[in-house]
Each structure stands twice: as structure tokens, then as C-alpha cells.
Amino acid sequence: METCLQDGYAVSTHLDRLLRRFVFLFAVVIVSSYSFLSYWEYSKEFYLDPTGWSKLLQGHGTAPQQYRVGVLFVAHFLSALTHGHLAMRHTLALLDLLFLVIGVVATFFMVARTRLYGEVSHVHRCALQFLALLLLLFYLSWTFWFHKPETIANFASLSVAAVFLSGRLRIPAPVAAVGLLLVSIYLATIRADSGLALNIGVLLLALLPTGKALPLGRVLQGLAGGGGLIAVLGVEFYIKNVLYPSNRFSDPLFELLTNLKSPFTLYCVCIALAPYFLIVFLALRRWKTLEAWESALLVASIVEFFIFMILALADEVRLFMPYPMALLPSSAALLCRELTGVPSQRSKLEPVAAQL
């Protein structure tokens, strides 16, 4: 019997290795395709408005886009570093490639480390991975709608923050807290509202008396969330009132009524975010099965959704899309639980194996 168990373990290891290779191949194809299409979007944007990026670099753009220059300045620096051999459209596409690689690696690192992944059979693990790939493709398709440089950078930042929150990295908790703070500072330069929502979620979960055991510890996570909140507000205040104090907003600051009155806007929100709404519904039903990092990110996404609906033109759904993308591990796990609905073969066999 012991030999059979060893053979079964060897087969399982081989199948898991094969699955990782397939997922890696699909991820490479997706990232390569997106980067290629992203480059042509930047080229089209450049030829339609050759001075658009230079206006933002010189501080003459309209708010809030003028406050989201964290990717643009890096792209300009890289372009200058090559002495003109790489234009801005090239370096922006390269940064999209880099950020997408970071986001996808962090996301699928977490997919393979969800609580469900360690409990289920190989077939269910395949379902988890391919559900995550399917949702990734769907969400990425909507980022081309009002395509902008900071969208994928936002996704990468949130995915890295999720890894720090999860405690899955073998690093000291204070180092992970500092990592969260650095992510918050960078988010303030590309999407302050996203950083604000993230830290509210982190802080709220740390303050809840019924909160689960937090990998960073309640005190350290609270300090990271509070410090990140102060950092985001401080950086945004500096950008708005010191760097660009006289840049007018391109649209009104309150858009909720406009969003609710527009059938086109509601269509974009309902179609593009339909999987996200389903995930929120499933998460509320299965709240006790969520890990602490999943709960914090889900709360942050709900906060961000209200900010998005109130302050932004909601047909520009790519503004919110990084949150559903960062929630891909939780989304795949929740959908897999809902679609299978039965314990895996591994779960059934483990008690018998333990007795033997």
C-alpha cells in the first residue's frame, strides 16, 4: 500500500508540473499578445496627438490625468536614456510588458497558494488555473477601452500588495509592511484613489474585532494601512498643490447622477464588471472561507467601486479593472467551489490514507 501511495504521489507531482508548464505557456502568449496590441494603441495615440504626452510631462495637462504621471515620467526617462533610439510609445509598451509580467506572476503565484488549491484534486486545480486565465483575458480586453499607461501598473501594484498581505513570501512581517508602504507611495503617483481604497481595506480589516488571524499581525497591518493612507494623501497633496496647483479638471468631480442616467455607461459597467459582481456575491456567501488578504482586497475593491461610480465617468471601466484582476485568485477559487460543489477525490482519500 505504501508503494501505491508513493506512485500516486509521483504521478500527482508530474501532473502538477505539467499543469504549471501549460499555464506558463498560456501566460506567455497572453502577455506577449497584450504587449503587442498595447504598442499599437500607444502608436495610434501618438500619431493622433503628438503633443499629448509632452504636455503632461511639462505639467500643462488637465487633471486628474496630470496627477497620474508615475508611469509617464519613467517612460520618458528610459527614452532619454536610449538617446532617442526608443520613442515614448516604445518605452510605454515596454513598461506595460514589465508591469503585466509582475502582475501575472504575482497573481498566479497566489492562485497556486489559495487554501482551496492545497485541498483539491488535480482536475480541480486545472479548473482553478484555467478559470483564472479566462478571467484574466476578459478583464484585459476591457483595458483597451480608453487605454492609458497607468492601468497595468495599477494591476501590478495591487497584485504585489496582495502577496505582501498574504504572508506567503518568506520574509519578515516588518519587511512586508514596508513593501506595502512603498506600493502605496507608487500608487499615489499613478492612481491615488486606488491606493486610498487599498489602505482603507487593509486598515479596516486590522481594526475589525472579529477579524481573522492576520499574517502581518493586527498591529503591524494596522500601522501599514494607516501609514499607507497618510502616504497616499501626502503624495497626492504634494502633486496637486505644489507641483500642479493650477491645472483644471477636465470633467466635474461629481459624476454619480451622470453615470446613473446614462444607459451606455450602465451597459459598460454591467457587462465589463459582471464577473466581479458575481464574485462579490459569492464572497459574501462564503465569507468564512476567505483568507485575511482576500477579505482586505475585497473590502478595498468595494470602496474603490464607490469612488469610481461617484467621481469618475463610469463607462471608462478600465479605471476600476485592476481590482477585479488583482482578485483573480479569490475569483477562481470561489467559482471553482460553486461549480464543483463536491469534495475532491484527494479530500476523500486523505482520511483513508492517514488511517493506513
Protein backbone atom coordinates (compact mmCIF):
# COMPACT_ATOMS: atom_id res chain seq x y z
CA MET A 1 0.00 0.00 0.00
CA GLU A 2 2.91 2.30 0.80
CA THR A 3 4.31 1.72 -2.71
CA CYS A 4 0.93 2.61 -4.24
CA LEU A 5 0.83 5.84 -2.25
CA GLN A 6 4.36 6.73 -3.38
CA ASP A 7 3.44 6.01 -7.01
CA GLY A 8 0.31 8.12 -6.64
CA TYR A 9 2.34 10.97 -5.20
CA ALA A 10 4.83 10.75 -8.08
CA VAL A 11 2.01 10.84 -10.65
CA SER A 12 0.41 13.80 -8.87
CA THR A 13 3.73 15.67 -8.85
CA HIS A 14 4.23 15.00 -12.56
CA LEU A 15 0.71 16.21 -13.39
CA ASP A 16 1.16 19.36 -11.30
CA ARG A 17 4.43 20.08 -13.10
CA LEU A 18 2.70 19.58 -16.45
CA LEU A 19 -0.10 21.94 -15.41
CA ARG A 20 2.40 24.63 -14.43
CA ARG A 21 4.04 24.35 -17.84
CA PHE A 22 0.73 24.74 -19.66
CA VAL A 23 -0.25 27.73 -17.53
CA PHE A 24 3.18 29.28 -18.13
CA LEU A 25 2.76 28.81 -21.89
CA PHE A 26 -0.71 30.38 -21.91
CA ALA A 27 0.51 33.26 -19.73
CA VAL A 28 3.41 33.94 -22.11
CA VAL A 29 1.02 34.01 -25.08
CA ILE A 30 -1.39 36.35 -23.26
CA VAL A 31 1.33 38.73 -22.08
CA SER A 32 3.01 38.79 -25.50
CA SER A 33 -0.29 39.45 -27.28
CA TYR A 34 -1.27 42.21 -24.89
CA SER A 35 2.13 43.92 -25.20
CA PHE A 36 1.96 43.83 -28.99
CA LEU A 37 -1.54 45.33 -29.04
CA SER A 38 -0.60 47.85 -26.36
CA TYR A 39 2.28 49.12 -28.50
CA TRP A 40 -0.09 49.78 -31.41
CA GLU A 41 -2.52 51.58 -29.10
CA TYR A 42 0.30 53.88 -27.95
CA SER A 43 1.38 54.42 -31.56
CA LYS A 44 -2.16 55.34 -32.54
CA GLU A 45 -2.41 57.72 -29.58
CA PHE A 46 0.90 59.36 -30.50
CA TYR A 47 0.00 59.93 -34.15
CA LEU A 48 -3.45 61.28 -33.22
CA ASP A 49 -1.96 63.74 -30.71
CA PRO A 50 1.85 64.02 -30.94
CA THR A 51 1.99 66.63 -28.16
CA GLY A 52 -0.28 64.84 -25.67
CA TRP A 53 2.43 63.19 -23.58
CA SER A 54 4.77 66.19 -23.74
CA LYS A 55 2.02 68.42 -22.30
CA LEU A 56 1.71 66.08 -19.31
CA LEU A 57 5.49 65.90 -18.88
CA GLN A 58 5.68 69.71 -18.89
CA GLY A 59 2.79 69.97 -16.42
CA HIS A 60 0.29 71.51 -18.84
CA GLY A 61 -2.26 68.68 -18.92
CA THR A 62 -5.69 68.62 -17.33
CA ALA A 63 -6.46 66.94 -14.02
CA PRO A 64 -6.80 64.17 -12.96
CA GLN A 65 -4.59 62.76 -15.75
CA GLN A 66 -1.91 65.31 -14.84
CA TYR A 67 -1.68 63.72 -11.39
CA ARG A 68 -1.07 60.22 -12.86
CA VAL A 69 2.43 60.64 -14.23
CA GLY A 70 4.19 57.85 -12.33
CA VAL A 71 4.46 55.70 -15.47
CA LEU A 72 4.88 58.57 -17.93
CA PHE A 73 7.97 60.03 -16.25
CA VAL A 74 9.64 56.60 -16.08
CA ALA A 75 8.91 56.05 -19.78
CA HIS A 76 10.37 59.48 -20.61
CA PHE A 77 13.49 58.74 -18.54
CA LEU A 78 14.01 55.42 -20.35
CA SER A 79 13.51 57.10 -23.70
CA ALA A 80 16.08 59.78 -22.85
CA LEU A 81 18.45 57.10 -21.59
CA THR A 82 18.50 55.50 -25.06
CA HIS A 83 19.24 58.90 -26.68
CA GLY A 84 16.15 58.73 -28.86
CA HIS A 85 16.56 55.15 -30.10
CA LEU A 86 13.38 54.26 -28.20
CA ALA A 87 10.46 56.67 -28.51
CA MET A 88 7.90 57.16 -25.75
CA ARG A 89 5.47 54.76 -27.41
CA HIS A 90 8.16 52.06 -27.26
CA THR A 91 9.10 52.61 -23.61
CA LEU A 92 5.45 52.83 -22.54
CA ALA A 93 4.79 49.47 -24.23
CA LEU A 94 7.89 48.01 -22.53
CA LEU A 95 6.65 49.24 -19.15
CA ASP A 96 3.25 47.67 -19.84
CA LEU A 97 5.09 44.43 -20.57
CA LEU A 98 7.09 44.68 -17.34
CA PHE A 99 4.09 45.54 -15.16
CA LEU A 100 1.95 42.84 -16.76
CA VAL A 101 4.64 40.23 -16.13
CA ILE A 102 4.84 41.34 -12.49
CA GLY A 103 1.05 41.28 -12.11
CA VAL A 104 0.58 37.90 -13.79
CA VAL A 105 3.44 36.25 -11.88
CA ALA A 106 2.14 37.60 -8.55
CA THR A 107 -1.43 36.60 -9.41
CA PHE A 108 -0.68 33.01 -10.42
CA PHE A 109 1.75 32.68 -7.52
CA MET A 110 -1.29 33.36 -5.31
CA VAL A 111 -3.63 31.13 -7.34
CA ALA A 112 -1.38 28.15 -6.53
CA ARG A 113 -1.35 29.11 -2.85
CA THR A 114 -5.02 29.64 -2.14
CA ARG A 115 -6.47 27.48 0.59
CA LEU A 116 -8.62 25.58 -1.91
CA TYR A 117 -5.68 24.75 -4.20
CA GLY A 118 -3.99 22.71 -1.48
CA GLU A 119 -7.17 20.74 -0.74
CA VAL A 120 -8.39 19.62 -4.16
CA SER A 121 -7.53 17.07 -6.83
CA HIS A 122 -5.53 17.70 -9.98
CA VAL A 123 -8.69 18.12 -12.07
CA HIS A 124 -9.92 20.87 -9.76
CA ARG A 125 -6.50 22.53 -9.84
CA CYS A 126 -6.73 22.60 -13.64
CA ALA A 127 -10.14 24.22 -13.31
CA LEU A 128 -8.74 26.84 -10.90
CA GLN A 129 -5.87 27.76 -13.18
CA PHE A 130 -7.91 27.93 -16.37
CA LEU A 131 -10.69 29.94 -14.70
CA ALA A 132 -8.03 32.45 -13.66
CA LEU A 133 -6.66 32.58 -17.24
CA LEU A 134 -10.15 33.04 -18.67
CA LEU A 135 -10.97 35.90 -16.31
CA LEU A 136 -7.57 37.49 -16.98
CA LEU A 137 -8.27 37.51 -20.72
CA PHE A 138 -11.72 39.00 -20.20
CA TYR A 139 -10.53 41.79 -17.92
CA LEU A 140 -7.52 42.62 -20.10
CA SER A 141 -9.79 43.05 -23.12
CA TRP A 142 -11.57 45.91 -21.35
CA THR A 143 -8.33 47.75 -20.52
CA PHE A 144 -8.10 48.75 -24.20
CA TRP A 145 -11.28 50.80 -23.73
CA PHE A 146 -9.85 54.29 -23.01
CA HIS A 147 -6.37 52.76 -22.95
CA LYS A 148 -3.95 54.56 -20.57
CA PRO A 149 -0.43 53.84 -19.26
CA GLU A 150 -1.28 53.57 -15.57
CA THR A 151 -3.85 50.75 -15.79
CA ILE A 152 -1.46 47.77 -15.87
CA ALA A 153 0.89 49.48 -13.40
CA ASN A 154 -2.08 49.69 -11.02
CA PHE A 155 -2.80 45.98 -11.51
CA ALA A 156 0.83 45.06 -10.80
CA SER A 157 0.90 47.23 -7.66
CA LEU A 158 -2.29 45.69 -6.25
CA SER A 159 -1.10 42.15 -7.03
CA VAL A 160 2.21 42.75 -5.26
CA ALA A 161 0.32 44.27 -2.30
CA ALA A 162 -1.81 41.09 -2.13
CA VAL A 163 1.34 38.95 -1.96
CA PHE A 164 2.72 41.09 0.88
CA LEU A 165 -0.59 40.88 2.75
CA SER A 166 -0.88 37.12 2.35
CA GLY A 167 2.31 36.28 4.22
CA ARG A 168 3.19 33.72 1.51
CA LEU A 169 6.63 35.24 0.96
CA ARG A 170 9.29 34.01 3.36
CA ILE A 171 10.23 37.48 4.52
CA PRO A 172 9.86 39.12 7.96
CA ALA A 173 6.50 40.78 8.57
CA PRO A 174 8.07 44.27 9.03
CA VAL A 175 9.68 43.95 5.57
CA ALA A 176 6.28 43.07 4.07
CA ALA A 177 4.75 46.12 5.83
CA VAL A 178 7.47 48.36 4.35
CA GLY A 179 6.72 46.80 0.95
CA LEU A 180 3.06 47.74 1.35
CA LEU A 181 4.06 51.30 2.19
CA LEU A 182 6.25 51.55 -0.93
CA VAL A 183 3.42 50.18 -3.07
CA SER A 184 1.11 52.84 -1.60
CA ILE A 185 3.58 55.62 -2.39
CA TYR A 186 3.86 54.47 -6.00
CA LEU A 187 0.08 54.11 -6.33
CA ALA A 188 -0.23 57.75 -5.27
CA THR A 189 1.71 58.73 -8.41
CA ILE A 190 -0.46 56.72 -10.79
CA ARG A 191 -3.88 56.26 -9.14
CA ALA A 192 -4.28 57.87 -5.73
CA ASP A 193 -7.90 56.66 -5.44
CA SER A 194 -6.72 53.05 -5.85
CA GLY A 195 -4.06 53.47 -3.16
CA LEU A 196 -6.60 55.15 -0.89
CA ALA A 197 -9.07 52.26 -1.27
CA LEU A 198 -6.34 49.65 -0.76
CA ASN A 199 -5.20 51.12 2.54
CA ILE A 200 -8.75 51.62 3.78
CA GLY A 201 -9.34 47.89 3.18
CA VAL A 202 -6.10 46.93 4.92
CA LEU A 203 -6.81 49.21 7.88
CA LEU A 204 -10.47 48.20 8.26
CA LEU A 205 -9.61 44.50 8.41
CA ALA A 206 -6.95 45.18 11.04
CA LEU A 207 -9.43 47.16 13.16
CA LEU A 208 -12.31 44.68 12.98
CA PRO A 209 -12.60 42.89 16.34
CA THR A 210 -13.86 39.73 14.64
CA GLY A 211 -11.10 39.78 12.01
CA LYS A 212 -9.20 36.60 11.24
CA ALA A 213 -5.61 35.95 12.19
CA LEU A 214 -3.57 38.31 10.04
CA PRO A 215 -0.22 37.11 8.61
CA LEU A 216 1.34 40.51 9.40
CA GLY A 217 -0.31 40.72 12.80
CA ARG A 218 -3.14 43.06 13.69
CA VAL A 219 -0.91 45.88 14.95
CA LEU A 220 1.59 45.76 12.09
CA GLN A 221 -1.14 45.55 9.45
CA GLY A 222 -2.93 48.47 11.08
CA LEU A 223 0.27 50.51 11.04
CA ALA A 224 0.88 49.56 7.38
CA GLY A 225 -2.67 50.55 6.41
CA GLY A 226 -2.60 53.79 8.39
CA GLY A 227 0.89 54.69 7.18
CA GLY A 228 -0.07 53.89 3.59
CA LEU A 229 -3.18 56.04 3.89
CA ILE A 230 -1.13 59.00 5.13
CA ALA A 231 1.48 58.41 2.40
CA VAL A 232 -1.11 58.37 -0.39
CA LEU A 233 -2.81 61.53 0.88
CA GLY A 234 0.54 63.27 1.42
CA VAL A 235 1.92 62.46 -2.04
CA GLU A 236 -1.36 63.41 -3.72
CA PHE A 237 -1.48 66.70 -1.78
CA TYR A 238 2.07 67.49 -2.92
CA ILE A 239 1.31 66.66 -6.56
CA LYS A 240 -1.94 68.62 -6.58
CA ASN A 241 -0.97 71.69 -4.56
CA VAL A 242 2.79 72.03 -5.13
CA LEU A 243 3.66 70.51 -8.50
CA TYR A 244 0.47 71.29 -10.41
CA PRO A 245 -1.58 73.81 -8.38
CA SER A 246 -3.37 75.48 -11.31
CA ASN A 247 -4.33 72.55 -13.56
CA ARG A 248 -8.07 72.48 -14.10
CA PHE A 249 -10.13 69.28 -14.09
CA SER A 250 -11.29 68.03 -17.47
CA ASP A 251 -14.62 66.82 -16.03
CA PRO A 252 -16.78 67.63 -12.99
CA LEU A 253 -15.74 65.98 -9.73
CA PHE A 254 -19.20 64.52 -9.05
CA GLU A 255 -20.39 62.09 -11.73
CA LEU A 256 -22.80 59.76 -9.91
CA LEU A 257 -26.01 61.21 -11.39
CA THR A 258 -24.49 61.30 -14.87
CA ASN A 259 -23.45 57.66 -14.54
CA LEU A 260 -26.86 56.53 -13.33
CA LYS A 261 -28.68 58.39 -16.11
CA SER A 262 -26.60 57.07 -19.00
CA PRO A 263 -27.72 53.71 -20.49
CA PHE A 264 -24.38 53.45 -22.32
CA THR A 265 -22.44 53.87 -19.08
CA LEU A 266 -24.60 51.35 -17.23
CA TYR A 267 -24.16 48.88 -20.07
CA CYS A 268 -20.35 49.16 -19.84
CA VAL A 269 -20.42 48.75 -16.06
CA CYS A 270 -22.83 45.80 -16.08
CA ILE A 271 -21.09 43.89 -18.88
CA ALA A 272 -17.45 44.60 -18.06
CA LEU A 273 -17.85 44.10 -14.32
CA ALA A 274 -20.40 41.25 -14.38
CA PRO A 275 -17.80 38.66 -13.23
CA TYR A 276 -16.71 41.00 -10.42
CA PHE A 277 -20.30 41.43 -9.19
CA LEU A 278 -20.73 37.64 -9.21
CA ILE A 279 -17.50 37.24 -7.21
CA VAL A 280 -18.64 39.79 -4.61
CA PHE A 281 -21.93 37.91 -4.26
CA LEU A 282 -20.16 34.57 -3.84
CA ALA A 283 -17.61 36.07 -1.44
CA LEU A 284 -20.35 37.43 0.82
CA ARG A 285 -21.98 33.99 0.84
CA ARG A 286 -18.68 32.26 1.63
CA TRP A 287 -17.05 34.99 3.72
CA LYS A 288 -15.77 32.48 6.29
CA THR A 289 -13.79 30.63 3.62
CA LEU A 290 -11.82 33.75 2.64
CA GLU A 291 -8.32 34.34 3.92
CA ALA A 292 -7.39 37.66 5.54
CA TRP A 293 -5.64 39.09 2.47
CA GLU A 294 -8.65 38.19 0.30
CA SER A 295 -11.04 39.93 2.69
CA ALA A 296 -8.87 43.07 2.80
CA LEU A 297 -8.61 43.25 -1.00
CA LEU A 298 -12.33 42.61 -1.43
CA VAL A 299 -13.22 45.40 1.02
CA ALA A 300 -10.78 47.69 -0.78
CA SER A 301 -12.37 46.85 -4.13
CA ILE A 302 -15.84 47.75 -2.81
CA VAL A 303 -14.51 51.09 -1.53
CA GLU A 304 -12.85 51.71 -4.90
CA PHE A 305 -16.07 50.85 -6.75
CA PHE A 306 -17.99 53.55 -4.88
CA ILE A 307 -15.20 56.08 -5.52
CA PHE A 308 -15.25 55.06 -9.18
CA MET A 309 -19.02 55.45 -9.53
CA ILE A 310 -19.16 58.78 -7.68
CA LEU A 311 -16.10 60.60 -9.04
CA ALA A 312 -15.36 59.06 -12.46
CA LEU A 313 -17.18 58.66 -15.74
CA ALA A 314 -18.04 55.01 -15.21
CA ASP A 315 -18.06 53.99 -18.88
CA GLU A 316 -14.25 54.19 -18.51
CA VAL A 317 -14.29 50.82 -16.73
CA ARG A 318 -10.53 50.32 -17.13
CA LEU A 319 -10.20 52.70 -14.14
CA PHE A 320 -11.69 50.01 -11.88
CA MET A 321 -10.45 46.92 -13.74
CA PRO A 322 -7.16 46.46 -11.78
CA TYR A 323 -9.14 45.42 -8.68
CA PRO A 324 -11.02 42.53 -10.32
CA MET A 325 -7.71 41.49 -11.90
CA ALA A 326 -5.92 41.50 -8.54
CA LEU A 327 -8.78 39.41 -7.12
CA LEU A 328 -8.26 36.65 -9.71
CA PRO A 329 -7.01 34.05 -7.16
CA SER A 330 -10.09 34.55 -4.98
CA SER A 331 -12.36 34.69 -8.03
CA ALA A 332 -11.08 31.40 -9.43
CA ALA A 333 -11.35 29.69 -6.03
CA LEU A 334 -14.89 30.93 -5.39
CA LEU A 335 -16.10 29.96 -8.87
CA CYS A 336 -14.46 26.55 -8.59
CA ARG A 337 -16.17 25.89 -5.25
CA GLU A 338 -19.50 26.97 -6.71
CA LEU A 339 -19.21 24.99 -9.95
CA THR A 340 -17.93 21.74 -8.47
CA GLY A 341 -19.85 21.77 -5.22
CA VAL A 342 -18.40 18.43 -4.06
CA PRO A 343 -15.22 17.48 -2.19
CA SER A 344 -12.35 16.44 -4.39
CA GLN A 345 -11.07 12.90 -4.73
CA ARG A 346 -7.97 13.90 -2.81
CA SER A 347 -10.11 15.15 0.07
CA LYS A 348 -11.96 11.84 0.17
CA LEU A 349 -8.82 9.71 0.03
CA GLU A 350 -6.73 11.58 2.57
CA PRO A 351 -8.55 10.24 5.70
CA VAL A 352 -8.20 6.67 4.38
CA ALA A 353 -4.50 7.19 3.61
CA ALA A 354 -3.98 8.63 7.08
CA GLN A 355 -5.51 5.51 8.69
CA LEU A 356 -3.27 3.25 6.60
